[in-house]
Protein backbone atom coordinates (compact mmCIF):
# COMPACT_ATOMS: atom_id res chain seq x y z
CA UNK A 1 12.00 -7.24 -28.44
CA UNK A 2 14.72 -5.42 -26.46
CA UNK A 3 16.80 -6.74 -23.02
CA UNK A 4 17.59 -4.83 -20.37
CA UNK A 5 19.22 -5.97 -16.74
CA UNK A 6 16.94 -4.80 -14.31
CA UNK A 7 13.28 -4.25 -15.64
CA UNK A 8 10.88 -2.53 -12.85
CA UNK A 9 7.35 -2.18 -13.27
CA UNK A 10 6.19 1.12 -11.05
CA UNK A 11 7.53 4.02 -10.38
CA UNK A 12 6.26 5.02 -7.12
CA UNK A 13 8.46 5.20 -4.14
CA UNK A 14 9.83 2.01 -4.06
CA UNK A 15 9.84 1.14 -7.57
CA UNK A 16 12.47 4.55 -8.30
CA UNK A 17 14.03 3.47 -4.84
CA UNK A 18 15.02 0.59 -5.65
CA UNK A 19 15.56 1.83 -9.76
CA UNK A 20 17.96 4.38 -8.31
CA UNK A 21 19.73 2.04 -6.33
CA UNK A 22 20.60 -0.37 -8.89
CA UNK A 23 21.81 2.32 -10.91
CA UNK A 24 24.09 3.94 -8.61
CA UNK A 25 25.67 0.70 -7.85
CA UNK A 26 26.49 0.22 -11.57
CA UNK A 27 24.18 -2.09 -13.00
CA UNK A 28 24.08 -1.70 -16.59
CA UNK A 29 20.74 -0.37 -17.92
CA UNK A 30 17.76 -0.37 -15.27
CA UNK A 31 14.53 0.42 -17.09
CA UNK A 32 11.73 1.75 -15.07
CA UNK A 33 7.95 1.25 -16.69
CA UNK A 34 5.17 2.84 -15.41
CA UNK A 35 2.10 3.44 -16.98
CA UNK A 36 0.53 7.03 -15.63
CA UNK A 37 2.04 10.15 -17.40
CA UNK A 38 4.15 10.89 -14.58
CA UNK A 39 6.53 9.02 -12.16
CA UNK A 40 6.57 9.91 -8.68
CA UNK A 41 3.38 7.34 -7.49
CA UNK A 42 0.67 8.64 -5.10
CA UNK A 43 2.85 11.13 -3.45
CA UNK A 44 2.58 13.49 -7.00
CA UNK A 45 -1.68 14.42 -5.71
CA UNK A 46 -1.22 14.06 -1.88
CA UNK A 47 -0.17 17.92 -1.22
CA UNK A 48 -0.09 17.82 1.94
CA UNK A 49 2.98 17.23 4.20
CA UNK A 50 4.07 14.29 5.90
CA UNK A 51 6.57 13.14 3.53
CA UNK A 52 10.64 13.09 3.54
CA UNK A 53 12.40 13.23 7.17
CA UNK A 54 12.27 15.54 10.32
CA UNK A 55 14.86 17.41 9.03
CA UNK A 56 13.63 17.64 5.60
CA UNK A 57 9.79 17.92 5.85
CA UNK A 58 8.29 17.75 2.10
CA UNK A 59 4.92 17.71 0.14
CA UNK A 60 3.96 14.51 -1.45
CA UNK A 61 4.65 16.53 -4.91
CA UNK A 62 8.02 17.33 -3.84
CA UNK A 63 8.39 13.87 -2.09
CA UNK A 64 7.59 12.50 -5.69
CA UNK A 65 9.85 14.62 -7.74
CA UNK A 66 12.93 13.67 -5.71
CA UNK A 67 12.85 10.04 -5.59
CA UNK A 68 12.36 10.76 -9.17
CA UNK A 69 15.49 13.35 -10.14
CA UNK A 70 17.16 10.74 -8.03
CA UNK A 71 16.94 7.57 -10.47
CA UNK A 72 17.31 9.83 -13.47
CA UNK A 73 20.47 11.45 -11.94
CA UNK A 74 21.63 7.39 -11.15
CA UNK A 75 21.16 7.34 -14.77
CA UNK A 76 17.95 4.66 -14.57
CA UNK A 77 15.56 5.22 -17.10
CA UNK A 78 12.59 5.89 -16.40
CA UNK A 79 9.28 5.87 -19.21
CA UNK A 80 6.09 6.41 -18.75
CA UNK A 81 3.13 5.83 -20.69
CA UNK A 82 3.77 2.41 -20.45
CA UNK A 83 1.34 -0.55 -19.49
CA UNK A 84 2.94 -3.55 -18.40
CA UNK A 85 0.19 -6.36 -19.84
CA UNK A 86 1.92 -10.37 -19.59
CA UNK A 87 4.58 -12.24 -19.55
CA UNK A 88 5.94 -13.77 -22.41
CA UNK A 89 8.32 -15.65 -20.62
CA UNK A 90 9.76 -16.63 -16.82
CA UNK A 91 12.05 -12.85 -17.50
CA UNK A 92 9.59 -10.67 -20.16
CA UNK A 93 7.57 -8.80 -20.11
CA UNK A 94 5.48 -7.78 -23.24
CA UNK A 95 3.94 -3.84 -23.14
CA UNK A 96 2.62 -1.14 -24.95
CA UNK A 97 2.62 2.50 -25.00
CA UNK A 98 2.10 5.09 -27.37
CA UNK A 99 4.59 3.75 -29.83
CA UNK A 100 3.70 0.43 -30.26
CA UNK A 101 3.47 -2.96 -28.81
CA UNK A 102 7.00 -4.45 -27.44
CA UNK A 103 8.40 -6.54 -25.54
CA UNK A 104 11.35 -6.38 -22.55
CA UNK A 105 13.72 -9.17 -21.51
CA UNK A 106 15.32 -8.83 -18.00
CA UNK A 107 18.00 -10.82 -16.17
CA UNK A 108 15.50 -9.61 -12.96
CA UNK A 109 11.95 -8.42 -13.04
CA UNK A 110 11.05 -6.32 -9.85
CA UNK A 111 7.39 -5.59 -9.68
CA UNK A 112 6.08 -2.39 -8.10
CA UNK A 113 2.72 -2.08 -9.26
CA UNK A 114 1.35 -0.58 -5.53
CA UNK A 115 -1.97 -0.71 -4.82
CA UNK A 116 -5.44 0.80 -5.53
CA UNK A 117 -8.11 1.22 -2.92
CA UNK A 118 -12.09 -0.57 -3.71
CA UNK A 119 -14.96 1.74 -4.92
CA UNK A 120 -18.39 1.63 -3.00
CA UNK A 121 -19.66 -0.29 -5.83
CA UNK A 122 -16.93 -2.91 -4.37
CA UNK A 123 -17.74 -2.26 -0.72
CA UNK A 124 -21.48 -2.68 -1.37
CA UNK A 125 -23.17 -0.07 -0.40
CA UNK A 126 -26.73 0.18 -2.24
CA UNK A 127 -28.96 3.84 -2.81
CA UNK A 128 -28.81 5.47 -6.16
CA UNK A 129 -25.73 6.63 -8.48
CA UNK A 130 -25.37 10.10 -7.87
CA UNK A 131 -22.39 11.87 -8.85
CA UNK A 132 -20.34 13.58 -6.23
CA UNK A 133 -18.57 9.55 -4.80
CA UNK A 134 -14.99 9.50 -4.47
CA UNK A 135 -11.96 7.34 -3.17
CA UNK A 136 -9.22 9.06 -1.64
CA UNK A 137 -7.07 8.83 -4.72
CA UNK A 138 -9.92 10.30 -7.24
CA UNK A 139 -10.47 12.95 -4.58
CA UNK A 140 -7.47 14.12 -4.34
CA UNK A 141 -6.84 14.01 -8.28
CA UNK A 142 -9.41 15.79 -8.63
CA UNK A 143 -8.60 18.70 -5.98
CA UNK A 144 -4.50 18.75 -6.49
CA UNK A 145 -3.98 17.71 -9.98
CA UNK A 146 -7.67 18.95 -11.53
CA UNK A 147 -8.45 21.82 -9.66
CA UNK A 148 -11.85 20.44 -9.85
CA UNK A 149 -14.68 21.85 -6.97
CA UNK A 150 -15.77 18.72 -5.32
CA UNK A 151 -19.72 20.22 -3.72
CA UNK A 152 -19.72 21.83 -0.14
CA UNK A 153 -20.44 19.26 2.14
CA UNK A 154 -18.89 16.05 2.59
CA UNK A 155 -18.57 12.62 4.52
CA UNK A 156 -15.37 11.08 4.98
CA UNK A 157 -16.16 6.98 5.32
CA UNK A 158 -12.99 5.56 7.48
CA UNK A 159 -11.29 7.12 10.42
CA UNK A 160 -7.36 5.66 9.11
CA UNK A 161 -4.81 7.80 8.23
CA UNK A 162 -5.94 8.07 4.79
CA UNK A 163 -9.27 9.34 5.88
CA UNK A 164 -7.68 12.67 8.08
CA UNK A 165 -5.82 13.38 5.01
CA UNK A 166 -8.78 12.83 2.92
CA UNK A 167 -10.81 15.16 5.37
CA UNK A 168 -7.60 17.94 4.71
CA UNK A 169 -8.14 17.42 0.94
CA UNK A 170 -11.89 17.94 1.27
CA UNK A 171 -11.10 21.32 3.02
CA UNK A 172 -8.51 22.62 0.99
CA UNK A 173 -11.27 22.37 -1.75
CA UNK A 174 -13.30 24.54 -0.01
CA UNK A 175 -15.98 22.50 1.27
CA UNK A 176 -16.50 21.29 5.51
CA UNK A 177 -16.53 17.89 6.19
CA UNK A 178 -20.48 17.33 7.92
CA UNK A 179 -18.62 13.99 9.36
CA UNK A 180 -16.30 11.11 9.85
CA UNK A 181 -18.17 7.57 9.70
CA UNK A 182 -16.56 4.48 10.94
CA UNK A 183 -17.52 0.74 11.55
CA UNK A 184 -15.37 0.67 15.13
CA UNK A 185 -14.63 1.71 18.19
CA UNK A 186 -12.11 4.51 17.74
CA UNK A 187 -9.67 6.20 15.63
CA UNK A 188 -6.85 4.62 13.70
CA UNK A 189 -4.95 7.25 13.66
CA UNK A 190 -3.02 8.67 15.56
CA UNK A 191 -4.81 10.32 18.97
CA UNK A 192 -2.93 13.81 18.47
CA UNK A 193 -4.21 13.72 14.93
CA UNK A 194 -7.72 12.44 15.92
CA UNK A 195 -8.03 15.07 18.53
CA UNK A 196 -6.93 17.82 16.20
CA UNK A 197 -9.72 17.03 13.69
CA UNK A 198 -12.34 16.73 16.02
CA UNK A 199 -11.32 19.81 18.50
CA UNK A 200 -9.78 22.52 16.33
CA UNK A 201 -11.04 21.73 12.73
CA UNK A 202 -14.76 20.98 14.83
CA UNK A 203 -14.65 17.94 12.38
CA UNK A 204 -17.48 15.09 13.90
CA UNK A 205 -16.53 11.51 14.53
CA UNK A 206 -19.28 8.67 14.25
CA UNK A 207 -17.54 5.70 15.68
CA UNK A 208 -19.62 2.21 15.54
CA UNK A 209 -21.51 3.72 12.25
CA UNK A 210 -21.79 2.17 8.85
CA UNK A 211 -23.11 3.94 5.77
CA UNK A 212 -25.91 1.93 4.77
CA UNK A 213 -27.23 3.61 1.74
CA UNK A 214 -26.21 6.65 -1.04
CA UNK A 215 -29.24 9.22 -1.58
CA UNK A 216 -29.70 11.64 -4.52
CA UNK A 217 -30.38 11.22 -8.02
CA UNK A 218 -28.17 13.68 -10.78
CA UNK A 219 -26.68 14.63 -7.15
CA UNK A 220 -25.61 12.88 -4.45
CA UNK A 221 -28.07 14.74 -0.79
CA UNK A 222 -26.94 12.45 1.60
CA UNK A 223 -25.98 9.49 3.28
CA UNK A 224 -27.72 6.83 5.67
CA UNK A 225 -25.85 5.54 8.57
CA UNK A 226 -26.79 3.02 10.55
CA UNK A 227 -25.28 2.75 14.55
CA UNK A 228 -24.04 -0.57 16.09
CA UNK A 229 -27.62 -0.31 19.00
CA UNK A 230 -29.97 -0.41 15.32
CA UNK A 231 -30.50 3.62 15.72
CA UNK A 232 -30.65 5.43 12.24
CA UNK A 233 -29.94 9.18 10.74
CA UNK A 234 -29.57 10.32 7.03
CA UNK A 235 -26.19 12.86 7.14
CA UNK A 236 -27.59 15.93 4.48
CA UNK A 237 -24.18 16.25 1.87
CA UNK A 238 -23.26 16.44 -1.63
CA UNK A 239 -19.76 14.43 -1.26
CA UNK A 240 -19.52 11.04 0.08
CA UNK A 241 -15.56 10.12 0.51
CA UNK A 242 -14.67 6.08 0.56
CA UNK A 243 -11.06 6.14 2.45
CA UNK A 244 -8.83 3.38 3.28
CA UNK A 245 -9.74 -0.11 1.94
CA UNK A 246 -7.05 -0.28 0.04
CA UNK A 247 -5.84 -3.96 -2.72
CA UNK A 248 -2.78 -4.90 -3.89
CA UNK A 249 -3.02 -4.18 -7.34
CA UNK A 250 -1.72 -7.72 -8.30
CA UNK A 251 -3.00 -8.28 -11.69
CA UNK A 252 0.34 -8.49 -13.35
CA UNK A 253 1.80 -10.77 -10.48
CA UNK A 254 -1.87 -12.99 -10.68
CA UNK A 255 -1.11 -13.48 -14.34
CA UNK A 256 2.38 -14.80 -13.98
CA UNK A 257 1.58 -17.53 -11.85
CA UNK A 258 3.01 -16.01 -8.87
CA UNK A 259 1.32 -17.82 -5.39
CA UNK A 260 -0.65 -14.84 -3.55
CA UNK A 261 -0.47 -14.78 0.12
CA UNK A 262 -4.07 -15.46 1.48
CA UNK A 263 -3.82 -12.96 4.05
CA UNK A 264 -2.12 -9.45 2.20
CA UNK A 265 -3.26 -10.57 -1.56
CA UNK A 266 -0.08 -9.90 -2.62
CA UNK A 267 2.55 -12.25 -3.93
CA UNK A 268 4.07 -14.20 -1.09
CA UNK A 269 8.12 -13.08 -0.88
CA UNK A 270 10.67 -13.53 1.68
CA UNK A 271 12.66 -11.48 4.02
CA UNK A 272 14.77 -10.69 0.63
CA UNK A 273 11.49 -9.46 -1.32
CA UNK A 274 12.25 -12.90 -3.25
CA UNK A 275 8.39 -14.06 -5.00
CA UNK A 276 7.92 -17.75 -5.67
CA UNK A 277 10.11 -17.24 -9.61
CA UNK A 278 13.66 -16.70 -9.51
CA UNK A 279 14.88 -13.71 -10.70
CA UNK A 280 11.44 -12.01 -9.92
CA UNK A 281 11.58 -9.55 -6.79
CA UNK A 282 8.22 -7.31 -5.62
CA UNK A 283 8.30 -4.64 -3.57
CA UNK A 284 6.25 -1.86 -1.78
CA UNK A 285 2.12 -1.75 -1.79
CA UNK A 286 1.66 -5.00 -3.90
CA UNK A 287 3.22 -6.56 -1.02
CA UNK A 288 0.71 -5.38 1.68
CA UNK A 289 -1.83 -2.68 1.10
CA UNK A 290 -1.04 -0.14 2.69
CA UNK A 291 1.79 1.36 3.80
CA UNK A 292 3.42 5.03 3.61
CA UNK A 293 5.94 6.10 1.05
CA UNK A 294 9.13 6.12 3.67
CA UNK A 295 8.63 2.39 3.54
CA UNK A 296 8.21 1.68 0.32
CA UNK A 297 10.61 3.40 -0.53
CA UNK A 298 12.63 1.20 2.10
CA UNK A 299 11.84 -2.10 0.94
CA UNK A 300 12.76 -0.59 -2.66
CA UNK A 301 16.52 0.04 -1.55
CA UNK A 302 16.15 -3.19 0.25
CA UNK A 303 14.78 -5.55 -2.86
CA UNK A 304 18.11 -3.37 -5.06
CA UNK A 305 20.43 -4.90 -2.59
CA UNK A 306 18.41 -8.24 -3.04
CA UNK A 307 19.10 -8.16 -6.67
CA UNK A 308 22.60 -6.96 -6.66
CA UNK A 309 23.49 -10.33 -4.01
CA UNK A 310 21.38 -12.58 -6.52
CA UNK A 311 22.95 -12.86 -9.52
CA UNK A 312 21.44 -14.68 -12.70
CA UNK A 313 21.54 -18.84 -12.09
CA UNK A 314 22.10 -18.18 -8.41
CA UNK A 315 19.58 -20.49 -6.59
CA UNK A 316 16.38 -19.59 -5.02
CA UNK A 317 15.44 -20.65 -1.73
CA UNK A 318 12.14 -21.42 -1.15
CA UNK A 319 11.64 -20.55 2.08
CA UNK A 320 9.33 -21.78 4.76
CA UNK A 321 5.94 -19.96 5.30
CA UNK A 322 5.07 -17.36 7.42
CA UNK A 323 1.25 -17.16 8.64
CA UNK A 324 -0.71 -15.23 11.42
CA UNK A 325 -3.70 -16.97 13.80
CA UNK A 326 -6.72 -14.21 14.29
CA UNK A 327 -7.25 -11.42 14.80
CA UNK A 328 -3.93 -10.79 13.53
CA UNK A 329 -4.76 -10.36 9.59
CA UNK A 330 -1.66 -10.76 7.63
CA UNK A 331 2.25 -9.99 7.90
CA UNK A 332 4.59 -9.59 5.27
CA UNK A 333 6.79 -10.79 4.32
CA UNK A 334 5.44 -14.07 4.53
CA UNK A 335 7.67 -16.48 3.87
CA UNK A 336 11.07 -16.93 6.12
CA UNK A 337 14.47 -18.53 5.69
CA UNK A 338 17.13 -17.80 7.88
CA UNK A 339 19.02 -15.57 6.74
CA UNK A 340 16.30 -12.85 6.48
CA UNK A 341 17.02 -9.94 7.95
CA UNK A 342 14.06 -7.53 6.78
CA UNK A 343 11.72 -6.40 9.54
CA UNK A 344 7.89 -7.99 9.04
CA UNK A 345 4.70 -5.22 9.07
CA UNK A 346 1.63 -7.14 9.98
CA UNK A 347 -1.96 -5.78 11.27
CA UNK A 348 -4.73 -6.92 13.37
CA UNK A 349 -8.17 -7.01 12.82
CA UNK A 350 -9.57 -5.88 16.47
CA UNK A 351 -8.70 -4.02 18.92
CA UNK A 352 -5.69 -5.15 21.26
CA UNK A 353 -4.50 -3.80 24.37
CA UNK A 354 -1.61 -4.86 25.73
CA UNK A 355 -1.45 -8.07 22.91
CA UNK A 356 2.14 -9.85 23.49
CA UNK A 357 3.24 -11.82 19.86
CA UNK A 358 4.65 -14.93 19.92
CA UNK A 359 5.98 -16.25 16.95
CA UNK A 360 6.61 -20.52 17.12
CA UNK A 361 7.19 -23.52 14.65
CA UNK A 362 6.44 -26.57 15.32
CA UNK A 363 5.75 -26.20 18.98
CA UNK A 364 9.23 -24.27 19.45
CA UNK A 365 8.95 -20.73 21.06
CA UNK A 366 11.17 -18.58 18.48
CA UNK A 367 10.34 -14.82 19.86
CA UNK A 368 8.18 -13.18 21.93
CA UNK A 369 7.53 -9.08 21.46
CA UNK A 370 4.76 -7.19 24.17
CA UNK A 371 3.01 -4.33 22.55
CA UNK A 372 1.27 -1.54 24.29
CA UNK A 373 -1.25 -1.80 22.17
CA UNK A 374 -2.66 -2.74 18.34
CA UNK A 375 -4.84 -1.10 16.35
CA UNK A 376 -6.98 -2.05 13.41
CA UNK A 377 -5.51 0.04 10.09
CA UNK A 378 -2.76 0.39 12.09
CA UNK A 379 1.12 -0.93 11.03
CA UNK A 380 2.82 -2.95 13.66
CA UNK A 381 6.19 -4.74 13.15
CA UNK A 382 8.22 -7.27 14.31
CA UNK A 383 12.17 -7.90 14.11
CA UNK A 384 13.77 -10.04 11.92
CA UNK A 385 16.39 -10.99 15.23
CA UNK A 386 14.49 -14.16 15.41
CA UNK A 387 14.83 -15.85 11.78
CA UNK A 388 18.09 -17.81 12.47
CA UNK A 389 16.55 -20.08 14.23
CA UNK A 390 13.92 -21.03 12.04
CA UNK A 391 14.35 -24.70 10.87
CA UNK A 392 14.22 -24.68 6.70
CA UNK A 393 13.45 -27.89 7.07
CA UNK A 394 10.88 -27.54 9.30
CA UNK A 395 6.65 -26.54 9.49
CA UNK A 396 5.63 -23.41 8.99
CA UNK A 397 6.42 -20.79 11.28
CA UNK A 398 3.04 -18.73 13.19
CA UNK A 399 2.92 -15.54 14.48
CA UNK A 400 -0.21 -15.37 17.15
CA UNK A 401 -1.30 -13.45 20.29
CA UNK A 402 -1.08 -14.42 23.80
């Protein structure tokens, strides 16, 4: 058994940013655990650009190294190849590594366990079980980490930012993208990116289309698709990449009995990223799958400030539940106190034109925000300037669309 001051579970952008801020602030021993053999999280195998800042653009691996180096320079201890198995107490975890089992107790624990993509089986796509079926993460690891070939003709299922990153990875591996397929009426990425893929790279986008079956024995030979009007077609290919259907990696939170938000399926937290258990915080994609690495890193730094502001034994507010009405899918954070200042992120299930967000509590309007549009799988943001008007003893706060 060992004692540390702050234990961070997960060495992705959120966990590393939190550890770096805490260690730099002079917190005693800050320790980061990750089951992977290298720190950095998902950006390690995202060889494309889009990370860093406008003045200092970086690739994913470079960004991961930057965050890991910052944590180490701040004197945080980053341990890889270590898996957190279960809780041994309110602020204690049992872990296992190549050195054997261990129990670690801390004054505060930050859960930064990230998210994972749902594979083909979880999406209930029927057909045979041939080789050549990937998720985005599996594809990027195969190509960028292990230099493996992935076939010659690929279909990408999805039209989100992650889907277009997968298409770029397919092309980097020397294969052609036969088509991108989405069941929605338009791409869920920036218009410029969608046009570039379709016009300059020649990648067709099939909207209102669903993959209904995988074909082939031994190796994938094609996918069968169905359009919304009932027409069907077969796309010959030897590779298919399922993208974008992310779920929080919440097993550790669930085993600890932490309440989960039904919308995000991650731990319920308030604006200080506090969970329902005193001393336990949660950050990054385990809260809302999935946002950018920059968003995760900002949340990690915000959680570090909350840890510093909440010494052991301090009062742990319950917070008022924060919910959304359809067609909104979820909002995070999903509990609110009048002192919260962290902005909220939310998603819609359907395409909305010029929606107006209404924040209400017990029939009282707290905030109103018009938007130009809302697209599924793209993040909407909501300021926290209205939180001082929340009645901590009132009913749930609701966000709806007018």
